Amino acid sequence: MDKLDEIFDMQKSLNDYIITNRKLNFTKEEWIQKGSLALIDEIAELLNEVNFKWWKNPKPVNDSAVKEEIVDILHFFISICLYAGMTSDELYKMYIDKNKENFDRQNGLSQKEGYSLKDNK
């Protein structure tokens, strides 16, 4: 089993455990909404760790806390994938395709508007 498969399996186990033990019953749409809100909250927590508030005195960045927030983000991201019916294989394939498209866009090879290199001069 590869690492991404293992992460998906572990997250599914955690999700199932929480649903059972907390007796939760949400629709797919509600799970995706709740997961998205939790993801936003974790991203905000990450931002707080890296001094995004320019109006406050900065504190030393705690690399360990930053990494912990990134893992929290991954937990909710994978949960959203699972509730959307996405497998680890599907995520991987779609990422590969989107990464190629993003490179094509940056190299002026995309048909999508707004990425032409001649417009950047």
N, C-alpha and C. Protein backbone atom coordinates (compact mmCIF):
# COMPACT_ATOMS: atom_id res chain seq x y z
N MET A 1 0.85 -1.18 0.00
CA MET A 1 0.00 0.00 0.00
C MET A 1 0.90 1.24 0.00
N ASP A 2 0.56 2.18 -0.87
CA ASP A 2 1.39 3.39 -0.87
C ASP A 2 0.93 4.36 0.21
N LYS A 3 1.70 5.39 0.41
CA LYS A 3 1.44 6.31 1.52
C LYS A 3 0.11 7.04 1.38
N LEU A 4 -0.25 7.45 0.16
CA LEU A 4 -1.50 8.15 -0.03
C LEU A 4 -2.69 7.22 0.24
N ASP A 5 -2.60 5.98 -0.22
CA ASP A 5 -3.65 4.99 0.08
C ASP A 5 -3.79 4.82 1.59
N GLU A 6 -2.66 4.73 2.27
CA GLU A 6 -2.68 4.54 3.73
C GLU A 6 -3.33 5.74 4.43
N ILE A 7 -3.01 6.94 3.98
CA ILE A 7 -3.62 8.14 4.56
C ILE A 7 -5.13 8.13 4.35
N PHE A 8 -5.57 7.78 3.15
CA PHE A 8 -7.00 7.71 2.89
C PHE A 8 -7.67 6.67 3.78
N ASP A 9 -7.07 5.50 3.92
CA ASP A 9 -7.64 4.44 4.76
C ASP A 9 -7.70 4.87 6.23
N MET A 10 -6.64 5.50 6.71
CA MET A 10 -6.61 5.95 8.10
C MET A 10 -7.67 7.02 8.34
N GLN A 11 -7.84 7.94 7.38
CA GLN A 11 -8.83 9.00 7.56
C GLN A 11 -10.24 8.43 7.51
N LYS A 12 -10.47 7.46 6.64
CA LYS A 12 -11.80 6.83 6.60
C LYS A 12 -12.10 6.14 7.92
N SER A 13 -11.11 5.47 8.49
CA SER A 13 -11.31 4.83 9.79
C SER A 13 -11.65 5.85 10.87
N LEU A 14 -10.94 6.96 10.87
CA LEU A 14 -11.21 8.01 11.86
C LEU A 14 -12.61 8.59 11.65
N ASN A 15 -12.94 8.90 10.40
CA ASN A 15 -14.28 9.44 10.11
C ASN A 15 -15.36 8.49 10.59
N ASP A 16 -15.23 7.20 10.25
CA ASP A 16 -16.22 6.20 10.65
C ASP A 16 -16.32 6.10 12.17
N TYR A 17 -15.20 6.15 12.83
CA TYR A 17 -15.17 6.07 14.29
C TYR A 17 -15.92 7.25 14.91
N ILE A 18 -15.65 8.45 14.41
CA ILE A 18 -16.30 9.65 14.93
C ILE A 18 -17.80 9.60 14.66
N ILE A 19 -18.19 9.21 13.47
CA ILE A 19 -19.61 9.13 13.11
C ILE A 19 -20.33 8.16 14.03
N THR A 20 -19.74 7.00 14.25
CA THR A 20 -20.37 5.98 15.10
C THR A 20 -20.45 6.42 16.55
N ASN A 21 -19.35 6.88 17.09
CA ASN A 21 -19.30 7.20 18.51
C ASN A 21 -20.01 8.49 18.88
N ARG A 22 -20.14 9.38 17.93
CA ARG A 22 -20.85 10.63 18.21
C ARG A 22 -22.26 10.61 17.63
N LYS A 23 -22.62 9.46 17.03
CA LYS A 23 -23.97 9.26 16.48
C LYS A 23 -24.35 10.40 15.52
N LEU A 24 -23.50 10.64 14.55
CA LEU A 24 -23.70 11.72 13.59
C LEU A 24 -24.41 11.20 12.34
N ASN A 25 -25.25 12.03 11.76
CA ASN A 25 -25.98 11.63 10.57
C ASN A 25 -26.17 12.86 9.69
N PHE A 26 -25.19 13.14 8.85
CA PHE A 26 -25.26 14.27 7.94
C PHE A 26 -25.31 13.76 6.50
N THR A 27 -25.84 14.58 5.62
CA THR A 27 -25.81 14.25 4.20
C THR A 27 -24.39 14.47 3.67
N LYS A 28 -24.15 13.95 2.48
CA LYS A 28 -22.85 14.17 1.82
C LYS A 28 -22.58 15.67 1.70
N GLU A 29 -23.60 16.41 1.29
CA GLU A 29 -23.46 17.85 1.13
C GLU A 29 -23.08 18.51 2.46
N GLU A 30 -23.73 18.11 3.54
CA GLU A 30 -23.43 18.68 4.85
C GLU A 30 -22.02 18.32 5.30
N TRP A 31 -21.60 17.08 5.04
CA TRP A 31 -20.23 16.68 5.41
C TRP A 31 -19.20 17.53 4.66
N ILE A 32 -19.45 17.76 3.38
CA ILE A 32 -18.50 18.57 2.59
C ILE A 32 -18.50 20.01 3.10
N GLN A 33 -19.68 20.54 3.43
CA GLN A 33 -19.75 21.89 4.00
C GLN A 33 -18.99 21.97 5.32
N LYS A 34 -19.25 21.02 6.21
CA LYS A 34 -18.60 21.03 7.52
C LYS A 34 -17.09 20.83 7.38
N GLY A 35 -16.70 19.93 6.50
CA GLY A 35 -15.27 19.72 6.26
C GLY A 35 -14.60 20.95 5.70
N SER A 36 -15.29 21.64 4.81
CA SER A 36 -14.73 22.87 4.22
C SER A 36 -14.57 23.95 5.28
N LEU A 37 -15.55 24.09 6.15
CA LEU A 37 -15.44 25.07 7.24
C LEU A 37 -14.29 24.71 8.18
N ALA A 38 -14.17 23.43 8.50
CA ALA A 38 -13.07 22.99 9.37
C ALA A 38 -11.72 23.25 8.68
N LEU A 39 -11.67 23.02 7.39
CA LEU A 39 -10.44 23.27 6.63
C LEU A 39 -10.08 24.76 6.67
N ILE A 40 -11.07 25.61 6.48
CA ILE A 40 -10.82 27.06 6.56
C ILE A 40 -10.29 27.43 7.95
N ASP A 41 -10.88 26.85 8.99
CA ASP A 41 -10.44 27.14 10.35
C ASP A 41 -8.98 26.70 10.56
N GLU A 42 -8.64 25.53 10.05
CA GLU A 42 -7.24 25.06 10.18
C GLU A 42 -6.28 25.93 9.40
N ILE A 43 -6.70 26.42 8.24
CA ILE A 43 -5.86 27.33 7.47
C ILE A 43 -5.65 28.63 8.24
N ALA A 44 -6.71 29.11 8.90
CA ALA A 44 -6.58 30.31 9.74
C ALA A 44 -5.60 30.06 10.89
N GLU A 45 -5.66 28.87 11.48
CA GLU A 45 -4.72 28.54 12.55
C GLU A 45 -3.28 28.52 12.01
N LEU A 46 -3.09 28.02 10.81
CA LEU A 46 -1.76 28.04 10.19
C LEU A 46 -1.29 29.47 9.98
N LEU A 47 -2.18 30.31 9.48
CA LEU A 47 -1.82 31.72 9.28
C LEU A 47 -1.41 32.38 10.58
N ASN A 48 -2.10 32.05 11.68
CA ASN A 48 -1.74 32.62 12.98
C ASN A 48 -0.34 32.21 13.42
N GLU A 49 0.10 31.04 12.97
CA GLU A 49 1.45 30.57 13.34
C GLU A 49 2.55 31.28 12.57
N VAL A 50 2.21 31.95 11.46
CA VAL A 50 3.25 32.56 10.62
C VAL A 50 3.10 34.08 10.52
N ASN A 51 2.56 34.67 11.56
CA ASN A 51 2.56 36.12 11.71
C ASN A 51 1.94 36.88 10.54
N PHE A 52 0.77 36.46 10.10
CA PHE A 52 0.15 37.17 8.98
C PHE A 52 -0.43 38.52 9.40
N LYS A 53 -0.61 38.73 10.70
CA LYS A 53 -1.20 39.98 11.18
C LYS A 53 -0.11 41.05 11.24
N TRP A 54 -0.05 41.85 10.22
CA TRP A 54 0.98 42.88 10.12
C TRP A 54 0.83 43.96 11.17
N TRP A 55 -0.34 44.03 11.80
CA TRP A 55 -0.60 45.05 12.81
C TRP A 55 -0.19 44.62 14.21
N LYS A 56 0.36 43.40 14.33
CA LYS A 56 0.81 42.90 15.63
C LYS A 56 2.32 42.69 15.60
N ASN A 57 2.93 42.70 16.78
CA ASN A 57 4.35 42.37 16.88
C ASN A 57 4.54 40.89 16.55
N PRO A 58 5.46 40.58 15.66
CA PRO A 58 5.66 39.17 15.29
C PRO A 58 6.27 38.37 16.43
N LYS A 59 5.93 37.12 16.46
CA LYS A 59 6.52 36.18 17.42
C LYS A 59 7.40 35.22 16.63
N PRO A 60 8.33 34.57 17.27
CA PRO A 60 9.14 33.58 16.55
C PRO A 60 8.24 32.47 15.98
N VAL A 61 8.51 32.06 14.76
CA VAL A 61 7.72 31.00 14.13
C VAL A 61 8.11 29.67 14.74
N ASN A 62 7.11 28.93 15.20
CA ASN A 62 7.31 27.61 15.77
C ASN A 62 7.11 26.59 14.65
N ASP A 63 8.21 26.07 14.11
CA ASP A 63 8.14 25.15 12.97
C ASP A 63 7.30 23.92 13.27
N SER A 64 7.39 23.43 14.50
CA SER A 64 6.62 22.26 14.88
C SER A 64 5.11 22.55 14.84
N ALA A 65 4.72 23.71 15.35
CA ALA A 65 3.30 24.09 15.33
C ALA A 65 2.81 24.30 13.89
N VAL A 66 3.66 24.86 13.04
CA VAL A 66 3.31 25.04 11.62
C VAL A 66 3.04 23.68 10.99
N LYS A 67 3.92 22.74 11.22
CA LYS A 67 3.75 21.41 10.64
C LYS A 67 2.50 20.71 11.17
N GLU A 68 2.21 20.92 12.45
CA GLU A 68 1.00 20.32 13.03
C GLU A 68 -0.26 20.88 12.37
N GLU A 69 -0.27 22.16 12.11
CA GLU A 69 -1.43 22.76 11.43
C GLU A 69 -1.55 22.23 10.00
N ILE A 70 -0.43 22.02 9.33
CA ILE A 70 -0.46 21.47 7.98
C ILE A 70 -1.07 20.07 7.99
N VAL A 71 -0.72 19.27 8.99
CA VAL A 71 -1.29 17.92 9.11
C VAL A 71 -2.79 18.01 9.40
N ASP A 72 -3.20 18.95 10.25
CA ASP A 72 -4.63 19.14 10.50
C ASP A 72 -5.37 19.49 9.21
N ILE A 73 -4.77 20.34 8.39
CA ILE A 73 -5.34 20.70 7.09
C ILE A 73 -5.50 19.45 6.23
N LEU A 74 -4.47 18.61 6.23
CA LEU A 74 -4.52 17.37 5.43
C LEU A 74 -5.66 16.47 5.90
N HIS A 75 -5.84 16.35 7.21
CA HIS A 75 -6.94 15.53 7.76
C HIS A 75 -8.27 15.96 7.15
N PHE A 76 -8.57 17.24 7.22
CA PHE A 76 -9.86 17.71 6.72
C PHE A 76 -9.93 17.66 5.20
N PHE A 77 -8.83 17.91 4.53
CA PHE A 77 -8.81 17.82 3.07
C PHE A 77 -9.14 16.40 2.62
N ILE A 78 -8.51 15.41 3.24
CA ILE A 78 -8.76 14.02 2.87
C ILE A 78 -10.19 13.63 3.23
N SER A 79 -10.70 14.11 4.35
CA SER A 79 -12.10 13.85 4.70
C SER A 79 -13.03 14.37 3.60
N ILE A 80 -12.78 15.57 3.14
CA ILE A 80 -13.61 16.14 2.07
C ILE A 80 -13.52 15.27 0.82
N CYS A 81 -12.32 14.83 0.48
CA CYS A 81 -12.16 13.92 -0.66
C CYS A 81 -13.04 12.69 -0.49
N LEU A 82 -12.97 12.08 0.69
CA LEU A 82 -13.74 10.86 0.95
C LEU A 82 -15.24 11.12 0.85
N TYR A 83 -15.73 12.19 1.44
CA TYR A 83 -17.16 12.49 1.38
C TYR A 83 -17.60 12.84 -0.03
N ALA A 84 -16.69 13.33 -0.85
CA ALA A 84 -17.00 13.63 -2.25
C ALA A 84 -16.92 12.37 -3.12
N GLY A 85 -16.52 11.26 -2.52
CA GLY A 85 -16.42 10.01 -3.27
C GLY A 85 -15.13 9.86 -4.05
N MET A 86 -14.13 10.64 -3.70
CA MET A 86 -12.85 10.60 -4.40
C MET A 86 -11.92 9.60 -3.74
N THR A 87 -11.29 8.77 -4.54
CA THR A 87 -10.31 7.81 -4.05
C THR A 87 -8.92 8.41 -4.11
N SER A 88 -7.98 7.76 -3.47
CA SER A 88 -6.59 8.22 -3.53
C SER A 88 -6.06 8.14 -4.96
N ASP A 89 -6.46 7.10 -5.68
CA ASP A 89 -6.02 6.97 -7.09
C ASP A 89 -6.59 8.11 -7.94
N GLU A 90 -7.85 8.43 -7.71
CA GLU A 90 -8.48 9.51 -8.47
C GLU A 90 -7.83 10.85 -8.15
N LEU A 91 -7.57 11.11 -6.86
CA LEU A 91 -6.90 12.34 -6.47
C LEU A 91 -5.53 12.44 -7.14
N TYR A 92 -4.79 11.34 -7.11
CA TYR A 92 -3.46 11.33 -7.72
C TYR A 92 -3.54 11.64 -9.22
N LYS A 93 -4.43 10.95 -9.92
CA LYS A 93 -4.55 11.15 -11.36
C LYS A 93 -4.99 12.58 -11.68
N MET A 94 -5.98 13.08 -10.96
CA MET A 94 -6.45 14.43 -11.21
C MET A 94 -5.37 15.47 -10.89
N TYR A 95 -4.57 15.20 -9.85
CA TYR A 95 -3.47 16.10 -9.52
C TYR A 95 -2.44 16.13 -10.66
N ILE A 96 -2.09 14.96 -11.16
CA ILE A 96 -1.12 14.87 -12.26
C ILE A 96 -1.62 15.66 -13.47
N ASP A 97 -2.89 15.46 -13.83
CA ASP A 97 -3.47 16.17 -14.97
C ASP A 97 -3.50 17.68 -14.74
N LYS A 98 -3.89 18.09 -13.54
CA LYS A 98 -3.98 19.53 -13.24
C LYS A 98 -2.59 20.16 -13.18
N ASN A 99 -1.61 19.43 -12.66
CA ASN A 99 -0.24 19.94 -12.61
C ASN A 99 0.28 20.20 -14.02
N LYS A 100 0.00 19.27 -14.94
CA LYS A 100 0.41 19.45 -16.34
C LYS A 100 -0.27 20.68 -16.92
N GLU A 101 -1.57 20.81 -16.68
CA GLU A 101 -2.31 21.97 -17.17
C GLU A 101 -1.74 23.26 -16.59
N ASN A 102 -1.39 23.27 -15.32
CA ASN A 102 -0.83 24.48 -14.71
C ASN A 102 0.51 24.84 -15.34
N PHE A 103 1.34 23.85 -15.63
CA PHE A 103 2.60 24.13 -16.34
C PHE A 103 2.32 24.66 -17.74
N ASP A 104 1.34 24.03 -18.43
CA ASP A 104 0.98 24.50 -19.77
C ASP A 104 0.52 25.95 -19.71
N ARG A 105 -0.27 26.29 -18.73
CA ARG A 105 -0.73 27.67 -18.59
C ARG A 105 0.44 28.62 -18.41
N GLN A 106 1.38 28.26 -17.55
CA GLN A 106 2.54 29.12 -17.29
C GLN A 106 3.46 29.22 -18.49
N ASN A 107 3.41 28.23 -19.35
CA ASN A 107 4.25 28.23 -20.56
C ASN A 107 3.51 28.75 -21.78
N GLY A 108 2.30 29.32 -21.57
CA GLY A 108 1.54 29.88 -22.68
C GLY A 108 0.96 28.83 -23.62
N LEU A 109 0.81 27.60 -23.16
CA LEU A 109 0.33 26.51 -24.01
C LEU A 109 -1.14 26.16 -23.76
N SER A 110 -1.80 26.92 -22.92
CA SER A 110 -3.19 26.64 -22.57
C SER A 110 -4.11 27.50 -23.40
N GLN A 111 -5.29 26.99 -23.67
CA GLN A 111 -6.31 27.76 -24.37
C GLN A 111 -7.07 28.68 -23.42
N LYS A 112 -6.88 28.47 -22.12
CA LYS A 112 -7.60 29.27 -21.13
C LYS A 112 -7.10 30.71 -21.14
N GLU A 113 -8.04 31.65 -21.12
CA GLU A 113 -7.69 33.07 -21.16
C GLU A 113 -6.94 33.51 -19.92
N GLY A 114 -6.06 34.48 -20.11
CA GLY A 114 -5.37 35.09 -18.99
C GLY A 114 -3.99 34.52 -18.70
N TYR A 115 -3.56 33.55 -19.48
CA TYR A 115 -2.27 32.93 -19.23
C TYR A 115 -1.27 33.13 -20.36
N SER A 116 -1.66 33.84 -21.38
CA SER A 116 -0.77 34.05 -22.52
C SER A 116 0.47 34.80 -22.07
N LEU A 117 1.63 34.32 -22.47
CA LEU A 117 2.88 34.97 -22.09
C LEU A 117 3.05 36.32 -22.76
N LYS A 118 2.47 36.49 -23.93
CA LYS A 118 2.59 37.78 -24.61
C LYS A 118 1.81 38.89 -23.90
N ASP A 119 0.76 38.49 -23.11
CA ASP A 119 -0.02 39.47 -22.34
C ASP A 119 0.72 39.93 -21.09
N ASN A 120 1.81 39.28 -20.76
CA ASN A 120 2.55 39.57 -19.53
C ASN A 120 3.67 40.57 -19.75
N LYS A 121 3.82 41.06 -20.95
CA LYS A 121 4.94 41.96 -21.25
C LYS A 121 4.54 43.39 -21.25
